[in-house]
């Protein structure tokens, strides 16, 4: 499955053939990513990425969390996807990361907007959440730009490298997005 955003950017559902490129991107950005992303230190070799991708694609339909590679100018530059999708209550969380060489081009904002459209229109979600560490201000600009409501803090919400970070929690409802 692909979601075309513009002539230079599209999302494609992740597949096993992406493992080398995704691992390489993580490895090249390891020092930057490991500050905010808990999985980085557990991703030591390409087989760790293969195992992640298999865990995504092997889920049952009623448990599926869609994960997409972000492809900008024919290069995988990051991932965006859903996690903790609750089909009964029609809610999900969006997470994203991008290589430092691709930052500052509006890629994540445009990809997140496309993921929101997909969640509301194709998955019939009613609520989307974005959480980020308080100190991760770059990541926090995405939900602000896209009209998410700040709901509050999740104290010590995520542990990264033996440090607990408070998380800002933002949400968007389908009826708010349709306006």
N, C-alpha and C. Protein backbone atom coordinates (compact mmCIF):
# COMPACT_ATOMS: atom_id res chain seq x y z
N UNK A 1 0.84 -1.18 0.00
CA UNK A 1 0.00 0.00 0.00
C UNK A 1 0.88 1.24 0.00
N UNK A 2 0.49 2.23 -0.79
CA UNK A 2 1.21 3.50 -0.86
C UNK A 2 0.25 4.65 -0.62
N UNK A 3 0.79 5.70 -0.02
CA UNK A 3 0.05 6.95 0.14
C UNK A 3 0.91 8.03 -0.50
N UNK A 4 0.46 8.51 -1.64
CA UNK A 4 1.20 9.54 -2.38
C UNK A 4 0.89 10.89 -1.73
N UNK A 5 1.95 11.63 -1.39
CA UNK A 5 1.78 12.95 -0.77
C UNK A 5 2.03 14.04 -1.80
N UNK A 6 3.11 13.93 -2.55
CA UNK A 6 3.40 14.86 -3.64
C UNK A 6 4.40 14.19 -4.57
N UNK A 7 4.96 14.95 -5.52
CA UNK A 7 5.87 14.38 -6.50
C UNK A 7 7.16 13.84 -5.89
N UNK A 8 7.50 14.28 -4.69
CA UNK A 8 8.77 13.91 -4.08
C UNK A 8 8.63 13.03 -2.83
N UNK A 9 7.43 12.94 -2.29
CA UNK A 9 7.25 12.27 -1.01
C UNK A 9 6.05 11.33 -1.05
N UNK A 10 6.26 10.11 -0.56
CA UNK A 10 5.15 9.18 -0.38
C UNK A 10 5.46 8.23 0.77
N UNK A 11 4.40 7.61 1.27
CA UNK A 11 4.51 6.61 2.32
C UNK A 11 4.23 5.25 1.68
N UNK A 12 4.99 4.25 2.09
CA UNK A 12 4.75 2.90 1.62
C UNK A 12 4.78 1.96 2.81
N UNK A 13 3.83 1.06 2.86
CA UNK A 13 3.80 0.11 3.96
C UNK A 13 5.14 -0.63 4.02
N UNK A 14 5.68 -0.76 5.22
CA UNK A 14 7.00 -1.38 5.40
C UNK A 14 6.96 -2.84 4.98
N UNK A 15 8.08 -3.31 4.43
CA UNK A 15 8.21 -4.71 4.04
C UNK A 15 9.61 -5.20 4.40
N UNK A 16 9.79 -6.51 4.40
CA UNK A 16 11.07 -7.10 4.81
C UNK A 16 12.23 -6.59 3.97
N UNK A 17 12.00 -6.32 2.71
CA UNK A 17 13.06 -5.83 1.83
C UNK A 17 13.61 -4.47 2.28
N UNK A 18 12.90 -3.79 3.18
CA UNK A 18 13.35 -2.48 3.68
C UNK A 18 14.32 -2.59 4.85
N UNK A 19 14.54 -3.79 5.36
CA UNK A 19 15.31 -3.96 6.60
C UNK A 19 16.71 -3.34 6.52
N UNK A 20 17.44 -3.59 5.46
CA UNK A 20 18.80 -3.04 5.36
C UNK A 20 18.79 -1.51 5.37
N UNK A 21 17.91 -0.91 4.59
CA UNK A 21 17.85 0.55 4.51
C UNK A 21 17.42 1.17 5.83
N UNK A 22 16.43 0.56 6.49
CA UNK A 22 15.95 1.08 7.77
C UNK A 22 17.02 0.94 8.83
N UNK A 23 17.66 -0.23 8.89
CA UNK A 23 18.73 -0.42 9.87
C UNK A 23 19.87 0.58 9.62
N UNK A 24 20.25 0.75 8.38
CA UNK A 24 21.33 1.69 8.04
C UNK A 24 20.99 3.11 8.49
N UNK A 25 19.75 3.51 8.31
CA UNK A 25 19.31 4.84 8.73
C UNK A 25 19.38 4.98 10.25
N UNK A 26 18.96 3.96 10.96
CA UNK A 26 19.07 3.97 12.43
C UNK A 26 20.53 4.04 12.84
N UNK A 27 21.36 3.22 12.20
CA UNK A 27 22.77 3.15 12.55
C UNK A 27 23.48 4.49 12.29
N UNK A 28 23.17 5.13 11.18
CA UNK A 28 23.78 6.42 10.83
C UNK A 28 23.36 7.54 11.78
N UNK A 29 22.20 7.40 12.39
CA UNK A 29 21.65 8.45 13.27
C UNK A 29 21.60 8.00 14.72
N UNK A 30 22.34 6.98 15.03
CA UNK A 30 22.28 6.34 16.35
C UNK A 30 22.44 7.34 17.50
N UNK A 31 23.45 8.20 17.44
CA UNK A 31 23.69 9.14 18.54
C UNK A 31 22.53 10.11 18.74
N UNK A 32 21.96 10.58 17.65
CA UNK A 32 20.84 11.51 17.72
C UNK A 32 19.56 10.80 18.17
N UNK A 33 19.27 9.66 17.56
CA UNK A 33 18.05 8.93 17.84
C UNK A 33 18.00 8.41 19.28
N UNK A 34 19.13 7.96 19.79
CA UNK A 34 19.11 7.28 21.08
C UNK A 34 18.71 8.19 22.23
N UNK A 35 18.74 9.50 22.01
CA UNK A 35 18.30 10.44 23.05
C UNK A 35 16.81 10.30 23.30
N UNK A 36 16.02 10.05 22.23
CA UNK A 36 14.56 10.07 22.34
C UNK A 36 13.90 8.73 22.08
N UNK A 37 14.58 7.81 21.42
CA UNK A 37 13.92 6.59 20.96
C UNK A 37 14.43 5.36 21.71
N UNK A 38 13.57 4.70 22.47
CA UNK A 38 14.01 3.60 23.33
C UNK A 38 14.51 2.37 22.58
N UNK A 39 14.12 2.18 21.34
CA UNK A 39 14.49 0.97 20.61
C UNK A 39 15.90 1.00 20.04
N UNK A 40 16.52 2.16 19.98
CA UNK A 40 17.80 2.30 19.26
C UNK A 40 18.89 1.42 19.85
N UNK A 41 19.03 1.41 21.15
CA UNK A 41 20.10 0.61 21.76
C UNK A 41 19.84 -0.89 21.65
N UNK A 42 18.60 -1.28 21.33
CA UNK A 42 18.28 -2.69 21.15
C UNK A 42 18.35 -3.09 19.68
N UNK A 43 18.64 -2.14 18.83
CA UNK A 43 18.74 -2.39 17.39
C UNK A 43 20.23 -2.37 17.04
N UNK A 44 20.86 -3.53 17.21
CA UNK A 44 22.32 -3.62 17.06
C UNK A 44 22.76 -4.18 15.72
N UNK A 45 21.87 -4.90 15.08
CA UNK A 45 22.20 -5.49 13.78
C UNK A 45 20.94 -5.58 12.94
N UNK A 46 21.12 -5.82 11.66
CA UNK A 46 19.99 -5.80 10.74
C UNK A 46 18.93 -6.84 11.11
N UNK A 47 19.32 -7.94 11.74
CA UNK A 47 18.32 -8.93 12.13
C UNK A 47 17.34 -8.38 13.17
N UNK A 48 17.79 -7.41 13.97
CA UNK A 48 16.87 -6.77 14.91
C UNK A 48 15.79 -6.00 14.15
N UNK A 49 16.17 -5.37 13.07
CA UNK A 49 15.20 -4.65 12.24
C UNK A 49 14.30 -5.63 11.51
N UNK A 50 14.85 -6.72 11.03
CA UNK A 50 14.04 -7.76 10.39
C UNK A 50 12.99 -8.27 11.37
N UNK A 51 13.39 -8.53 12.61
CA UNK A 51 12.45 -9.02 13.63
C UNK A 51 11.34 -8.00 13.89
N UNK A 52 11.69 -6.72 13.92
CA UNK A 52 10.67 -5.67 14.10
C UNK A 52 9.68 -5.70 12.94
N UNK A 53 10.19 -5.71 11.72
CA UNK A 53 9.31 -5.69 10.55
C UNK A 53 8.41 -6.93 10.54
N UNK A 54 8.98 -8.08 10.87
CA UNK A 54 8.15 -9.30 10.92
C UNK A 54 7.05 -9.18 11.97
N UNK A 55 7.37 -8.56 13.10
CA UNK A 55 6.35 -8.40 14.14
C UNK A 55 5.21 -7.50 13.67
N UNK A 56 5.53 -6.55 12.79
CA UNK A 56 4.50 -5.65 12.25
C UNK A 56 3.66 -6.37 11.21
N UNK A 57 4.30 -7.04 10.28
CA UNK A 57 3.55 -7.62 9.16
C UNK A 57 2.85 -8.94 9.51
N UNK A 58 3.25 -9.57 10.61
CA UNK A 58 2.64 -10.84 10.98
C UNK A 58 1.48 -10.72 11.97
N UNK A 59 1.08 -9.50 12.30
CA UNK A 59 -0.04 -9.33 13.23
C UNK A 59 -1.36 -9.68 12.56
N UNK A 60 -2.30 -10.16 13.36
CA UNK A 60 -3.65 -10.41 12.86
C UNK A 60 -4.29 -9.08 12.44
N UNK A 61 -5.23 -9.15 11.54
CA UNK A 61 -5.89 -7.94 11.04
C UNK A 61 -6.51 -7.10 12.16
N UNK A 62 -7.08 -7.75 13.17
CA UNK A 62 -7.74 -7.02 14.24
C UNK A 62 -6.75 -6.42 15.25
N UNK A 63 -5.46 -6.68 15.06
CA UNK A 63 -4.42 -6.12 15.93
C UNK A 63 -3.41 -5.28 15.15
N UNK A 64 -3.61 -5.13 13.86
CA UNK A 64 -2.61 -4.55 12.97
C UNK A 64 -2.36 -3.07 13.27
N UNK A 65 -1.09 -2.75 13.38
CA UNK A 65 -0.63 -1.37 13.44
C UNK A 65 0.12 -1.10 12.14
N UNK A 66 -0.41 -0.23 11.31
CA UNK A 66 0.24 0.07 10.04
C UNK A 66 1.52 0.87 10.29
N UNK A 67 2.60 0.45 9.65
CA UNK A 67 3.88 1.16 9.72
C UNK A 67 4.32 1.41 8.28
N UNK A 68 4.72 2.64 8.01
CA UNK A 68 5.12 3.05 6.67
C UNK A 68 6.55 3.58 6.68
N UNK A 69 7.27 3.33 5.58
CA UNK A 69 8.52 4.03 5.36
C UNK A 69 8.16 5.35 4.70
N UNK A 70 8.88 6.40 5.07
CA UNK A 70 8.75 7.69 4.40
C UNK A 70 9.79 7.71 3.30
N UNK A 71 9.35 7.88 2.07
CA UNK A 71 10.26 7.90 0.94
C UNK A 71 10.25 9.29 0.33
N UNK A 72 11.39 9.93 0.40
CA UNK A 72 11.57 11.29 -0.12
C UNK A 72 12.64 11.25 -1.20
N UNK A 73 12.28 11.70 -2.38
CA UNK A 73 13.18 11.67 -3.53
C UNK A 73 13.81 10.29 -3.70
N UNK A 74 12.95 9.28 -3.66
CA UNK A 74 13.29 7.88 -3.89
C UNK A 74 14.21 7.26 -2.83
N UNK A 75 14.32 7.88 -1.65
CA UNK A 75 15.16 7.36 -0.57
C UNK A 75 14.33 7.22 0.71
N UNK A 76 14.50 6.10 1.40
CA UNK A 76 13.85 5.94 2.71
C UNK A 76 14.54 6.89 3.68
N UNK A 77 13.76 7.81 4.26
CA UNK A 77 14.33 8.82 5.16
C UNK A 77 13.81 8.66 6.59
N UNK A 78 12.82 7.79 6.81
CA UNK A 78 12.28 7.62 8.15
C UNK A 78 11.11 6.67 8.16
N UNK A 79 10.52 6.54 9.35
CA UNK A 79 9.33 5.71 9.53
C UNK A 79 8.24 6.54 10.18
N UNK A 80 7.01 6.18 9.85
CA UNK A 80 5.84 6.73 10.53
C UNK A 80 4.83 5.61 10.63
N UNK A 81 4.14 5.56 11.74
CA UNK A 81 3.18 4.49 11.86
C UNK A 81 2.32 4.62 13.09
N UNK A 82 1.47 3.63 13.24
CA UNK A 82 0.52 3.59 14.34
C UNK A 82 0.98 2.55 15.33
N UNK A 83 0.63 2.77 16.59
CA UNK A 83 0.91 1.77 17.60
C UNK A 83 -0.21 1.80 18.62
N UNK A 84 -0.43 0.63 19.21
CA UNK A 84 -1.48 0.53 20.21
C UNK A 84 -2.87 0.77 19.65
N UNK A 85 -3.06 0.45 18.39
CA UNK A 85 -4.36 0.69 17.76
C UNK A 85 -5.44 -0.13 18.44
N UNK A 86 -6.49 0.56 18.83
CA UNK A 86 -7.64 -0.05 19.50
C UNK A 86 -8.83 0.09 18.54
N UNK A 87 -9.10 -1.00 17.80
CA UNK A 87 -10.16 -0.95 16.80
C UNK A 87 -11.55 -0.89 17.42
N UNK A 88 -11.70 -1.42 18.61
CA UNK A 88 -12.99 -1.38 19.29
C UNK A 88 -13.36 0.06 19.64
N UNK A 89 -12.42 0.78 20.22
CA UNK A 89 -12.68 2.16 20.64
C UNK A 89 -12.23 3.18 19.59
N UNK A 90 -11.78 2.68 18.44
CA UNK A 90 -11.42 3.50 17.27
C UNK A 90 -10.42 4.61 17.63
N UNK A 91 -9.29 4.19 18.22
CA UNK A 91 -8.24 5.15 18.55
C UNK A 91 -6.87 4.52 18.32
N UNK A 92 -5.91 5.38 18.04
CA UNK A 92 -4.55 4.93 17.79
C UNK A 92 -3.57 6.04 18.14
N UNK A 93 -2.30 5.70 18.14
CA UNK A 93 -1.23 6.66 18.39
C UNK A 93 -0.31 6.68 17.18
N UNK A 94 0.14 7.86 16.79
CA UNK A 94 1.09 8.00 15.69
C UNK A 94 2.47 8.26 16.28
N UNK A 95 3.46 7.54 15.74
CA UNK A 95 4.85 7.78 16.08
C UNK A 95 5.64 7.98 14.79
N UNK A 96 6.75 8.68 14.88
CA UNK A 96 7.55 8.97 13.69
C UNK A 96 8.99 9.23 14.08
N UNK A 97 9.88 9.00 13.13
CA UNK A 97 11.27 9.42 13.24
C UNK A 97 11.83 9.60 11.83
N UNK A 98 12.82 10.47 11.73
CA UNK A 98 13.40 10.79 10.42
C UNK A 98 14.90 11.02 10.58
N UNK A 99 15.66 10.65 9.56
CA UNK A 99 17.10 10.86 9.58
C UNK A 99 17.43 12.34 9.60
N UNK A 100 18.51 12.69 10.26
CA UNK A 100 18.87 14.11 10.42
C UNK A 100 19.12 14.80 9.08
N UNK A 101 19.58 14.07 8.08
CA UNK A 101 19.83 14.68 6.77
C UNK A 101 18.53 15.13 6.08
N UNK A 102 17.39 14.63 6.53
CA UNK A 102 16.11 14.96 5.90
C UNK A 102 15.26 15.91 6.75
N UNK A 103 15.78 16.34 7.90
CA UNK A 103 15.03 17.24 8.77
C UNK A 103 14.90 18.63 8.15
N UNK A 104 13.88 19.35 8.60
CA UNK A 104 13.72 20.74 8.19
C UNK A 104 13.13 20.94 6.82
N UNK A 105 12.57 19.90 6.23
CA UNK A 105 11.98 20.00 4.89
C UNK A 105 10.46 19.82 4.91
N UNK A 106 9.90 19.72 6.10
CA UNK A 106 8.45 19.54 6.22
C UNK A 106 7.99 18.13 5.96
N UNK A 107 8.90 17.20 5.86
CA UNK A 107 8.56 15.82 5.52
C UNK A 107 7.68 15.19 6.60
N UNK A 108 8.08 15.30 7.85
CA UNK A 108 7.32 14.65 8.93
C UNK A 108 5.93 15.27 9.07
N UNK A 109 5.83 16.57 8.95
CA UNK A 109 4.51 17.21 9.03
C UNK A 109 3.60 16.71 7.93
N UNK A 110 4.09 16.67 6.70
CA UNK A 110 3.28 16.21 5.58
C UNK A 110 2.94 14.73 5.70
N UNK A 111 3.92 13.93 6.17
CA UNK A 111 3.68 12.49 6.35
C UNK A 111 2.65 12.25 7.45
N UNK A 112 2.75 13.03 8.52
CA UNK A 112 1.79 12.87 9.62
C UNK A 112 0.39 13.27 9.17
N UNK A 113 0.30 14.32 8.41
CA UNK A 113 -1.01 14.73 7.87
C UNK A 113 -1.61 13.61 7.03
N UNK A 114 -0.80 12.97 6.19
CA UNK A 114 -1.29 11.87 5.36
C UNK A 114 -1.68 10.67 6.22
N UNK A 115 -0.91 10.40 7.27
CA UNK A 115 -1.24 9.29 8.18
C UNK A 115 -2.54 9.56 8.92
N UNK A 116 -2.77 10.80 9.29
CA UNK A 116 -4.03 11.18 9.95
C UNK A 116 -5.20 10.93 9.01
N UNK A 117 -5.08 11.40 7.77
CA UNK A 117 -6.13 11.16 6.78
C UNK A 117 -6.41 9.67 6.62
N UNK A 118 -5.34 8.88 6.54
CA UNK A 118 -5.48 7.43 6.40
C UNK A 118 -6.21 6.83 7.61
N UNK A 119 -5.82 7.24 8.80
CA UNK A 119 -6.43 6.69 10.02
C UNK A 119 -7.92 7.03 10.10
N UNK A 120 -8.26 8.27 9.82
CA UNK A 120 -9.67 8.66 9.91
C UNK A 120 -10.51 8.12 8.76
N UNK A 121 -9.97 8.13 7.56
CA UNK A 121 -10.76 7.76 6.39
C UNK A 121 -10.71 6.28 6.03
N UNK A 122 -9.59 5.62 6.25
CA UNK A 122 -9.45 4.22 5.86
C UNK A 122 -9.62 3.25 7.03
N UNK A 123 -9.20 3.67 8.21
CA UNK A 123 -9.28 2.80 9.37
C UNK A 123 -10.47 3.14 10.26
N UNK A 124 -11.19 4.19 9.92
CA UNK A 124 -12.36 4.65 10.68
C UNK A 124 -12.03 4.95 12.14
N UNK A 125 -10.84 5.50 12.37
CA UNK A 125 -10.48 5.91 13.73
C UNK A 125 -11.26 7.16 14.11
N UNK A 126 -11.47 7.34 15.38
CA UNK A 126 -12.13 8.54 15.90
C UNK A 126 -11.16 9.45 16.65
N UNK A 127 -10.07 8.86 17.15
CA UNK A 127 -9.14 9.61 18.00
C UNK A 127 -7.71 9.19 17.68
N UNK A 128 -6.83 10.19 17.56
CA UNK A 128 -5.41 9.95 17.33
C UNK A 128 -4.62 10.69 18.40
N UNK A 129 -3.61 10.02 18.91
CA UNK A 129 -2.75 10.59 19.95
C UNK A 129 -1.33 10.71 19.41
N UNK A 130 -0.66 11.77 19.79
CA UNK A 130 0.79 11.90 19.60
C UNK A 130 1.37 12.24 20.96
N UNK A 131 2.38 11.46 21.35
CA UNK A 131 3.09 11.71 22.61
C UNK A 131 4.55 11.97 22.29
N UNK A 132 5.17 12.88 23.03
CA UNK A 132 6.60 13.14 22.84
C UNK A 132 7.19 13.66 24.14
N UNK A 133 8.48 13.44 24.30
CA UNK A 133 9.17 13.94 25.49
C UNK A 133 9.07 15.46 25.53
N UNK A 134 8.87 16.00 26.71
CA UNK A 134 8.74 17.44 26.89
C UNK A 134 9.92 18.17 26.24
N UNK A 135 11.11 17.63 26.43
CA UNK A 135 12.32 18.27 25.92
C UNK A 135 12.48 18.13 24.41
N UNK A 136 11.74 17.24 23.79
CA UNK A 136 11.86 17.03 22.34
C UNK A 136 10.94 18.01 21.61
N UNK A 137 11.36 19.26 21.59
CA UNK A 137 10.52 20.33 21.06
C UNK A 137 10.29 20.21 19.55
N UNK A 138 11.26 19.66 18.81
CA UNK A 138 11.05 19.50 17.36
C UNK A 138 9.88 18.56 17.09
N UNK A 139 9.86 17.45 17.80
CA UNK A 139 8.76 16.50 17.63
C UNK A 139 7.44 17.11 18.06
N UNK A 140 7.48 17.93 19.09
CA UNK A 140 6.27 18.56 19.61
C UNK A 140 5.64 19.58 18.69
N UNK A 141 6.39 20.08 17.73
CA UNK A 141 5.83 21.06 16.79
C UNK A 141 4.85 20.41 15.81
N UNK A 142 5.01 19.12 15.57
CA UNK A 142 4.14 18.43 14.60
C UNK A 142 2.68 18.46 15.05
N UNK A 143 2.34 17.98 16.24
CA UNK A 143 0.92 18.03 16.63
C UNK A 143 0.40 19.46 16.74
N UNK A 144 1.25 20.40 17.13
CA UNK A 144 0.81 21.79 17.21
C UNK A 144 0.42 22.31 15.83
N UNK A 145 1.26 22.03 14.82
CA UNK A 145 0.98 22.48 13.45
C UNK A 145 -0.30 21.89 12.89
N UNK A 146 -0.62 20.67 13.34
CA UNK A 146 -1.73 19.94 12.74
C UNK A 146 -3.02 20.03 13.54
N UNK A 147 -3.06 20.92 14.52
CA UNK A 147 -4.31 21.18 15.22
C UNK A 147 -4.66 20.25 16.35
N UNK A 148 -3.69 19.49 16.84
CA UNK A 148 -3.95 18.62 17.99
C UNK A 148 -4.14 19.45 19.24
N UNK A 149 -4.92 18.93 20.15
CA UNK A 149 -5.16 19.57 21.44
C UNK A 149 -4.19 18.99 22.46
N UNK A 150 -3.52 19.85 23.21
CA UNK A 150 -2.66 19.39 24.30
C UNK A 150 -3.54 18.94 25.44
N UNK A 151 -3.42 17.68 25.83
CA UNK A 151 -4.27 17.13 26.89
C UNK A 151 -3.61 17.16 28.25
N UNK A 152 -2.30 17.04 28.28
CA UNK A 152 -1.63 17.02 29.57
C UNK A 152 -0.31 16.27 29.51
N UNK A 153 0.20 15.99 30.71
CA UNK A 153 1.50 15.34 30.84
C UNK A 153 1.33 13.91 31.31
N UNK A 154 2.14 13.05 30.77
CA UNK A 154 2.27 11.70 31.27
C UNK A 154 3.62 11.66 31.99
N UNK A 155 3.56 11.77 33.30
CA UNK A 155 4.79 11.86 34.09
C UNK A 155 5.58 10.56 34.01
N UNK A 156 6.89 10.70 33.79
CA UNK A 156 7.77 9.53 33.64
C UNK A 156 7.16 8.52 32.67
N UNK A 157 6.67 9.01 31.54
CA UNK A 157 5.92 8.18 30.60
C UNK A 157 6.75 7.26 29.73
N UNK A 158 8.04 7.56 29.60
CA UNK A 158 8.87 6.70 28.75
C UNK A 158 10.29 6.67 29.29
N UNK A 159 10.84 5.46 29.29
CA UNK A 159 12.21 5.27 29.76
C UNK A 159 13.12 5.08 28.56
N UNK A 160 14.11 5.95 28.44
CA UNK A 160 15.09 5.87 27.37
C UNK A 160 16.47 5.96 28.00
N UNK A 161 17.29 4.95 27.79
CA UNK A 161 18.65 4.93 28.34
C UNK A 161 18.67 5.17 29.84
N UNK A 162 17.82 4.47 30.55
CA UNK A 162 17.74 4.54 32.01
C UNK A 162 17.30 5.90 32.55
N UNK A 163 16.73 6.73 31.70
CA UNK A 163 16.19 8.03 32.12
C UNK A 163 14.70 8.03 31.81
N UNK A 164 13.90 8.41 32.79
CA UNK A 164 12.46 8.56 32.56
C UNK A 164 12.17 9.97 32.07
N UNK A 165 11.38 10.07 31.02
CA UNK A 165 10.99 11.36 30.46
C UNK A 165 9.50 11.58 30.65
N UNK A 166 9.15 12.81 31.02
CA UNK A 166 7.74 13.20 31.00
C UNK A 166 7.33 13.38 29.55
N UNK A 167 6.12 12.97 29.23
CA UNK A 167 5.61 13.07 27.87
C UNK A 167 4.45 14.04 27.79
N UNK A 168 4.47 14.87 26.76
CA UNK A 168 3.30 15.68 26.44
C UNK A 168 2.36 14.80 25.61
N UNK A 169 1.08 14.88 25.92
CA UNK A 169 0.08 14.09 25.21
C UNK A 169 -0.84 15.04 24.45
N UNK A 170 -0.94 14.80 23.15
CA UNK A 170 -1.80 15.60 22.27
C UNK A 170 -2.81 14.66 21.61
N UNK A 171 -4.01 15.15 21.36
CA UNK A 171 -4.99 14.32 20.67
C UNK A 171 -5.74 15.13 19.62
N UNK A 172 -6.28 14.38 18.68
CA UNK A 172 -7.09 14.96 17.62
C UNK A 172 -8.26 14.01 17.37
N UNK A 173 -9.46 14.59 17.29
CA UNK A 173 -10.65 13.81 17.01
C UNK A 173 -11.04 13.97 15.54
N UNK A 174 -11.70 12.96 15.03
CA UNK A 174 -12.09 12.97 13.63
C UNK A 174 -12.93 14.21 13.29
N UNK A 175 -13.86 14.55 14.16
CA UNK A 175 -14.73 15.71 13.87
C UNK A 175 -13.93 17.02 13.85
N UNK A 176 -12.85 17.08 14.60
CA UNK A 176 -12.00 18.28 14.59
C UNK A 176 -11.20 18.34 13.29
N UNK A 177 -10.74 17.21 12.81
CA UNK A 177 -9.95 17.15 11.58
C UNK A 177 -10.81 17.50 10.36
N UNK A 178 -12.05 17.08 10.40
CA UNK A 178 -12.95 17.32 9.25
C UNK A 178 -13.30 18.79 9.08
N UNK A 179 -13.14 19.57 10.14
CA UNK A 179 -13.42 21.01 10.04
C UNK A 179 -12.30 21.62 9.26
